[in-house]
C-alpha cells in the first residue's frame, strides 16, 4: 500500500475493495466513524494479506507478522513514522480500546501460517475467537456499546460470519492447503481429503456442509439480539451485515450444499434487496431473504 499523508489515503475504498460479502464502513456508518473503522480493517487486512502470501515460506511470513506486530506495539508506546499506525494508535487511545483485540487478531493470522487442520469444532471456535470476535468488540467500543450481553451477541455474530466465509471459500482454502471443517466431523460423515482434492459433490460431503451450515445458522439466530443494543445508522449497518452472511448460507442451501463447483457471492441486487429489508423490516426472515 502506498503510504502518504493520512488525508490522501482513501480508507473507505480500501475497506470496500477487500470485503466483498459484508458492507463494512458503508454509507450507513456516520461519516465521522468511517475513517476509524476503515483503519481497523486496514490493520486486519494487511496482516491477513501477509499470512496469505503463499509464494513465500512460512518462516518468512511469520517474521513479517512479527515485524508488523512490533510496529503496532511501538506505535502505541511511542508513536511511529508510519501514518497508518499513527492513526490506528490515536483511534485506540481515543476510544480506550484494548490492544489485546489487535494482538489477538495477529495471533490468529500467525496461526493461519502454520496450522492447516483443526481436530474439532472447539479448535475452530478458538480460532474465530481471535480472528473475528475482536473486530466486533472493536466496533462496539467505537460506538460506546459496553453491555456484556451485547458483547456476547457480537461474538456469536462475528464467529458466524467467519464460519460462513469458511464454507463460502471451501475450495479456495483447500487450494491454499487449509481445511477448516473439523477433522472429527470429516470422519463422522466418512469424508476424506481425497474427496476435497477430486471436488466430489457426493452425499457425504453435502451432509458435512449441511451440518455446518445449520450450526452456523444457529449462531446467527442466537446473536441476533445484538440489534437490541444498537441504534441509528450503525444498527442498520449491522443488520445489513448479518443479512449478507445469511444470504451466503441461503445460496449454499439453494445450490444443494455444493461448495466445490459454485462459490456463492453477493451481487448488487442482493445488496440492494438486503439493504431495503434491513431498513424497513424490523424482523426479517432468516431463510427467505
Protein backbone atom coordinates (compact mmCIF):
# COMPACT_ATOMS: atom_id res chain seq x y z
CA UNK A 1 0.00 0.00 0.00
CA UNK A 2 1.24 3.48 -0.83
CA UNK A 3 1.96 5.43 2.34
CA UNK A 4 1.38 9.13 2.05
CA UNK A 5 -0.44 11.63 4.22
CA UNK A 6 -3.44 10.39 6.19
CA UNK A 7 -5.61 12.79 4.21
CA UNK A 8 -4.70 11.25 0.87
CA UNK A 9 -5.43 7.64 1.80
CA UNK A 10 -8.95 6.58 0.87
CA UNK A 11 -9.67 4.20 3.74
CA UNK A 12 -13.25 3.71 2.67
CA UNK A 13 -12.25 2.36 -0.75
CA UNK A 14 -9.54 0.23 0.83
CA UNK A 15 -12.07 -1.43 3.09
CA UNK A 16 -14.75 -1.78 0.44
CA UNK A 17 -12.38 -3.39 -2.05
CA UNK A 18 -11.28 -6.09 0.40
CA UNK A 19 -14.67 -7.16 1.74
CA UNK A 20 -16.94 -8.46 -0.99
CA UNK A 21 -19.62 -10.02 1.25
CA UNK A 22 -20.28 -7.57 4.00
CA UNK A 23 -20.83 -3.81 3.65
CA UNK A 24 -18.30 -2.68 6.24
CA UNK A 25 -17.67 1.07 6.54
CA UNK A 26 -20.54 1.74 4.16
CA UNK A 27 -22.59 4.89 3.76
CA UNK A 28 -24.79 3.70 6.63
CA UNK A 29 -21.94 4.37 9.02
CA UNK A 30 -21.92 8.01 10.21
CA UNK A 31 -19.21 9.86 8.34
CA UNK A 32 -17.18 10.70 11.45
CA UNK A 33 -16.75 6.97 12.18
CA UNK A 34 -15.76 5.76 8.73
CA UNK A 35 -12.05 6.53 8.89
CA UNK A 36 -11.79 4.97 12.36
CA UNK A 37 -13.50 1.78 11.20
CA UNK A 38 -11.57 1.61 7.96
CA UNK A 39 -8.18 1.95 9.65
CA UNK A 40 -9.08 -1.02 11.87
CA UNK A 41 -9.88 -3.02 8.75
CA UNK A 42 -6.63 -1.83 7.20
CA UNK A 43 -4.79 -3.36 10.16
CA UNK A 44 -6.67 -6.66 9.92
CA UNK A 45 -6.50 -6.97 6.15
CA UNK A 46 -2.82 -6.04 5.93
CA UNK A 47 -1.91 -8.74 8.45
CA UNK A 48 -4.21 -11.23 6.72
CA UNK A 49 -2.55 -10.50 3.38
CA UNK A 50 0.87 -11.16 4.91
CA UNK A 51 -0.34 -14.50 6.26
CA UNK A 52 -1.70 -15.42 2.82
CA UNK A 53 1.43 -14.61 0.82
CA UNK A 54 1.66 -18.23 -0.24
CA UNK A 55 4.63 -17.73 -2.55
CA UNK A 56 6.80 -17.04 0.49
CA UNK A 57 7.90 -19.52 3.12
CA UNK A 58 6.08 -19.92 6.42
CA UNK A 59 9.09 -18.63 8.31
CA UNK A 60 9.25 -15.52 6.14
CA UNK A 61 5.54 -14.76 6.65
CA UNK A 62 5.78 -15.33 10.40
CA UNK A 63 8.75 -12.99 10.54
CA UNK A 64 6.81 -10.31 8.64
CA UNK A 65 3.87 -10.70 11.02
CA UNK A 66 6.20 -10.38 13.99
CA UNK A 67 7.61 -7.18 12.47
CA UNK A 68 4.09 -5.90 11.86
CA UNK A 69 3.16 -6.59 15.49
CA UNK A 70 6.32 -4.89 16.70
CA UNK A 71 5.48 -1.80 14.63
CA UNK A 72 1.99 -1.78 16.07
CA UNK A 73 3.09 -2.07 19.70
CA UNK A 74 5.80 0.55 19.25
CA UNK A 75 3.28 2.95 17.72
CA UNK A 76 1.09 2.58 20.80
CA UNK A 77 4.01 3.19 23.13
CA UNK A 78 5.94 5.96 21.40
CA UNK A 79 4.42 6.74 18.02
CA UNK A 80 5.54 5.75 14.55
CA UNK A 81 6.73 7.26 11.28
CA UNK A 82 4.08 5.12 9.57
CA UNK A 83 0.91 7.26 9.12
CA UNK A 84 -1.47 4.29 9.27
CA UNK A 85 -0.08 3.04 12.57
CA UNK A 86 -0.21 6.56 13.98
CA UNK A 87 -3.86 6.92 13.01
CA UNK A 88 -4.70 3.50 14.44
CA UNK A 89 -2.88 4.34 17.68
CA UNK A 90 -4.84 7.55 18.06
CA UNK A 91 -8.13 5.69 17.45
CA UNK A 92 -7.25 3.09 20.09
CA UNK A 93 -6.33 5.70 22.70
CA UNK A 94 -9.26 7.98 21.93
CA UNK A 95 -11.76 5.15 22.34
CA UNK A 96 -9.96 3.31 25.14
CA UNK A 97 -9.79 0.11 23.08
CA UNK A 98 -7.86 -2.88 24.37
CA UNK A 99 -4.69 -3.61 22.42
CA UNK A 100 -5.44 -7.29 23.13
CA UNK A 101 -8.07 -7.14 20.39
CA UNK A 102 -5.36 -6.34 17.87
CA UNK A 103 -2.75 -8.78 19.13
CA UNK A 104 -5.43 -11.49 19.19
CA UNK A 105 -6.07 -10.81 15.51
CA UNK A 106 -2.36 -11.13 14.79
CA UNK A 107 -2.25 -14.36 16.79
CA UNK A 108 -4.93 -15.82 14.50
CA UNK A 109 -3.11 -14.71 11.35
CA UNK A 110 0.10 -16.32 12.61
CA UNK A 111 -1.87 -19.49 13.23
CA UNK A 112 -3.08 -19.43 9.63
CA UNK A 113 0.53 -19.69 8.52
CA UNK A 114 1.34 -22.82 10.48
CA UNK A 115 -1.97 -24.58 11.23
CA UNK A 116 -3.95 -26.02 8.33
CA UNK A 117 -6.15 -28.61 10.04
CA UNK A 118 -8.48 -28.44 13.05
CA UNK A 119 -9.12 -31.53 15.13
CA UNK A 120 -12.56 -30.48 16.37
CA UNK A 121 -15.09 -27.67 16.46
CA UNK A 122 -13.64 -26.33 19.71
CA UNK A 123 -10.36 -25.61 17.92
CA UNK A 124 -12.21 -23.82 15.13
CA UNK A 125 -14.09 -21.70 17.67
CA UNK A 126 -10.82 -20.82 19.38
CA UNK A 127 -9.53 -19.55 16.05
CA UNK A 128 -12.70 -17.50 15.47
CA UNK A 129 -12.39 -16.08 18.98
CA UNK A 130 -9.17 -14.42 17.85
CA UNK A 131 -9.71 -13.96 14.10
CA UNK A 132 -13.23 -12.48 14.11
CA UNK A 133 -14.64 -11.67 17.53
CA UNK A 134 -12.14 -8.87 18.27
CA UNK A 135 -13.42 -6.94 15.24
CA UNK A 136 -16.94 -6.90 16.65
CA UNK A 137 -15.70 -5.84 20.07
CA UNK A 138 -13.70 -3.03 18.49
CA UNK A 139 -16.78 -1.78 16.64
CA UNK A 140 -18.83 -1.88 19.82
CA UNK A 141 -16.08 0.07 21.57
CA UNK A 142 -16.05 2.73 18.86
CA UNK A 143 -19.80 3.18 19.26
CA UNK A 144 -19.59 3.12 23.08
CA UNK A 145 -21.61 -0.08 23.48
CA UNK A 146 -20.28 -1.84 26.58
CA UNK A 147 -23.18 -4.06 27.69
CA UNK A 148 -21.99 -7.58 28.47
CA UNK A 149 -24.91 -9.17 26.65
CA UNK A 150 -24.21 -7.06 23.57
CA UNK A 151 -20.61 -8.30 23.57
CA UNK A 152 -21.82 -11.89 23.90
CA UNK A 153 -24.17 -11.46 20.92
CA UNK A 154 -21.44 -9.73 18.93
CA UNK A 155 -19.09 -12.68 19.47
CA UNK A 156 -21.72 -15.07 18.14
CA UNK A 157 -22.35 -12.95 15.05
CA UNK A 158 -18.66 -12.47 14.31
CA UNK A 159 -17.97 -16.18 14.69
CA UNK A 160 -20.93 -16.92 12.43
CA UNK A 161 -19.60 -14.53 9.78
CA UNK A 162 -16.15 -16.11 9.96
CA UNK A 163 -17.55 -19.62 9.64
CA UNK A 164 -19.75 -18.52 6.75
CA UNK A 165 -16.66 -17.29 4.97
CA UNK A 166 -15.01 -20.68 5.53
CA UNK A 167 -17.89 -22.51 3.87
CA UNK A 168 -18.06 -19.98 1.07
CA UNK A 169 -14.32 -20.43 0.43
CA UNK A 170 -14.14 -24.20 0.95
CA UNK A 171 -12.38 -24.82 -2.36
CA UNK A 172 -10.25 -21.67 -2.23
CA UNK A 173 -8.98 -22.54 1.24
CA UNK A 174 -8.22 -26.10 0.16
CA UNK A 175 -6.10 -24.82 -2.73
CA UNK A 176 -4.11 -22.93 -0.07
CA UNK A 177 -3.70 -26.15 1.90
CA UNK A 178 -6.30 -25.40 4.57
CA UNK A 179 -9.41 -27.25 5.71
CA UNK A 180 -11.49 -25.52 8.38
CA UNK A 181 -14.05 -28.32 8.68
CA UNK A 182 -13.16 -30.21 11.89
CA UNK A 183 -11.29 -33.46 11.30
CA UNK A 184 -13.51 -35.43 13.68
CA UNK A 185 -16.55 -34.31 11.67
CA UNK A 186 -14.94 -35.40 8.41
CA UNK A 187 -14.65 -38.84 9.99
CA UNK A 188 -18.22 -38.68 11.31
CA UNK A 189 -19.52 -38.16 7.77
CA UNK A 190 -16.98 -40.50 6.15
CA UNK A 191 -15.40 -37.65 4.21
CA UNK A 192 -11.79 -37.90 3.10
CA UNK A 193 -9.39 -35.23 1.93
CA UNK A 194 -9.20 -37.08 -1.38
CA UNK A 195 -12.84 -36.07 -1.91
CA UNK A 196 -11.79 -32.44 -1.48
CA UNK A 197 -8.96 -32.96 -3.94
CA UNK A 198 -11.30 -34.52 -6.53
CA UNK A 199 -14.06 -31.98 -5.76
CA UNK A 200 -16.57 -34.75 -5.22
CA UNK A 201 -20.05 -33.44 -4.51
CA UNK A 202 -21.20 -36.70 -3.02
CA UNK A 203 -23.82 -37.22 -0.28
CA UNK A 204 -21.14 -37.42 2.42
CA UNK A 205 -19.67 -34.03 1.55
CA UNK A 206 -23.11 -32.47 1.28
CA UNK A 207 -24.11 -33.89 4.67
CA UNK A 208 -20.95 -32.42 6.22
CA UNK A 209 -21.61 -29.00 4.70
CA UNK A 210 -25.29 -29.10 5.68
CA UNK A 211 -24.36 -29.96 9.27
CA UNK A 212 -22.02 -26.99 9.47
CA UNK A 213 -24.44 -24.61 7.74
CA UNK A 214 -27.20 -25.46 10.21
CA UNK A 215 -24.85 -24.92 13.15
CA UNK A 216 -23.69 -21.52 11.93
CA UNK A 217 -27.31 -20.51 11.32
CA UNK A 218 -27.96 -21.22 14.98
CA UNK A 219 -25.15 -18.82 15.88
CA UNK A 220 -26.75 -16.11 13.74
CA UNK A 221 -30.07 -16.77 15.49
CA UNK A 222 -28.52 -16.65 18.96
CA UNK A 223 -26.64 -13.43 18.24
CA UNK A 224 -29.43 -11.57 16.50
CA UNK A 225 -30.38 -9.72 19.69
CA UNK A 226 -27.28 -7.57 19.14
CA UNK A 227 -29.67 -5.22 17.35
CA UNK A 228 -31.44 -4.51 20.64
CA UNK A 229 -28.28 -2.80 21.92
CA UNK A 230 -27.58 -0.70 18.82
CA UNK A 231 -29.17 2.44 17.47
CA UNK A 232 -29.18 4.75 14.50
CA UNK A 233 -27.41 4.01 11.25
CA UNK A 234 -24.93 1.67 12.95
CA UNK A 235 -27.82 -0.64 13.82
CA UNK A 236 -28.88 -0.82 10.16
CA UNK A 237 -25.29 -1.39 9.10
CA UNK A 238 -25.02 -4.41 11.38
CA UNK A 239 -28.42 -5.75 10.29
CA UNK A 240 -27.24 -5.41 6.70
CA UNK A 241 -24.01 -7.25 7.50
CA UNK A 242 -25.84 -10.10 9.24
CA UNK A 243 -28.20 -10.35 6.28
CA UNK A 244 -25.20 -10.62 3.97
CA UNK A 245 -23.83 -13.57 5.89
CA UNK A 246 -27.18 -15.32 6.00
CA UNK A 247 -27.68 -14.73 2.28
CA UNK A 248 -24.46 -16.62 1.60
CA UNK A 249 -25.81 -19.53 3.66
CA UNK A 250 -29.07 -19.35 1.72
CA UNK A 251 -27.20 -19.57 -1.58
CA UNK A 252 -25.27 -22.62 -0.37
CA UNK A 253 -28.56 -24.28 0.60
CA UNK A 254 -30.18 -23.45 -2.73
CA UNK A 255 -27.19 -24.97 -4.52
CA UNK A 256 -27.74 -28.23 -2.61
CA UNK A 257 -24.62 -27.69 -0.47
CA UNK A 258 -22.30 -27.84 -3.47
CA UNK A 259 -19.28 -25.84 -2.32
CA UNK A 260 -16.83 -27.06 -4.95
CA UNK A 261 -18.42 -26.09 -8.26
CA UNK A 262 -20.11 -22.92 -7.06
CA UNK A 263 -18.75 -20.17 -4.85
CA UNK A 264 -21.69 -18.09 -3.58
CA UNK A 265 -21.25 -14.32 -3.80
CA UNK A 266 -23.49 -11.34 -3.24
CA UNK A 267 -24.35 -9.30 -6.33
CA UNK A 268 -25.55 -5.70 -6.45
CA UNK A 269 -29.18 -6.82 -6.50
CA UNK A 270 -28.59 -8.85 -3.33
CA UNK A 271 -27.02 -5.85 -1.58
CA UNK A 272 -29.92 -3.57 -2.54
CA UNK A 273 -32.54 -6.10 -1.52
CA UNK A 274 -30.82 -6.77 1.80
CA UNK A 275 -30.47 -3.05 2.44
CA UNK A 276 -34.19 -2.48 1.91
CA UNK A 277 -35.04 -5.34 4.25
CA UNK A 278 -32.61 -4.04 6.88
CA UNK A 279 -34.08 -0.54 6.72
CA UNK A 280 -37.77 -1.40 6.57
CA UNK A 281 -38.14 -4.84 8.09
CA UNK A 282 -37.83 -4.85 11.84
CA UNK A 283 -37.95 -8.62 11.89
CA UNK A 284 -36.83 -10.31 8.71
CA UNK A 285 -36.89 -13.99 7.97
CA UNK A 286 -33.51 -15.64 8.01
CA UNK A 287 -34.37 -18.10 5.25
CA UNK A 288 -36.38 -16.01 2.82
CA UNK A 289 -34.02 -13.15 2.09
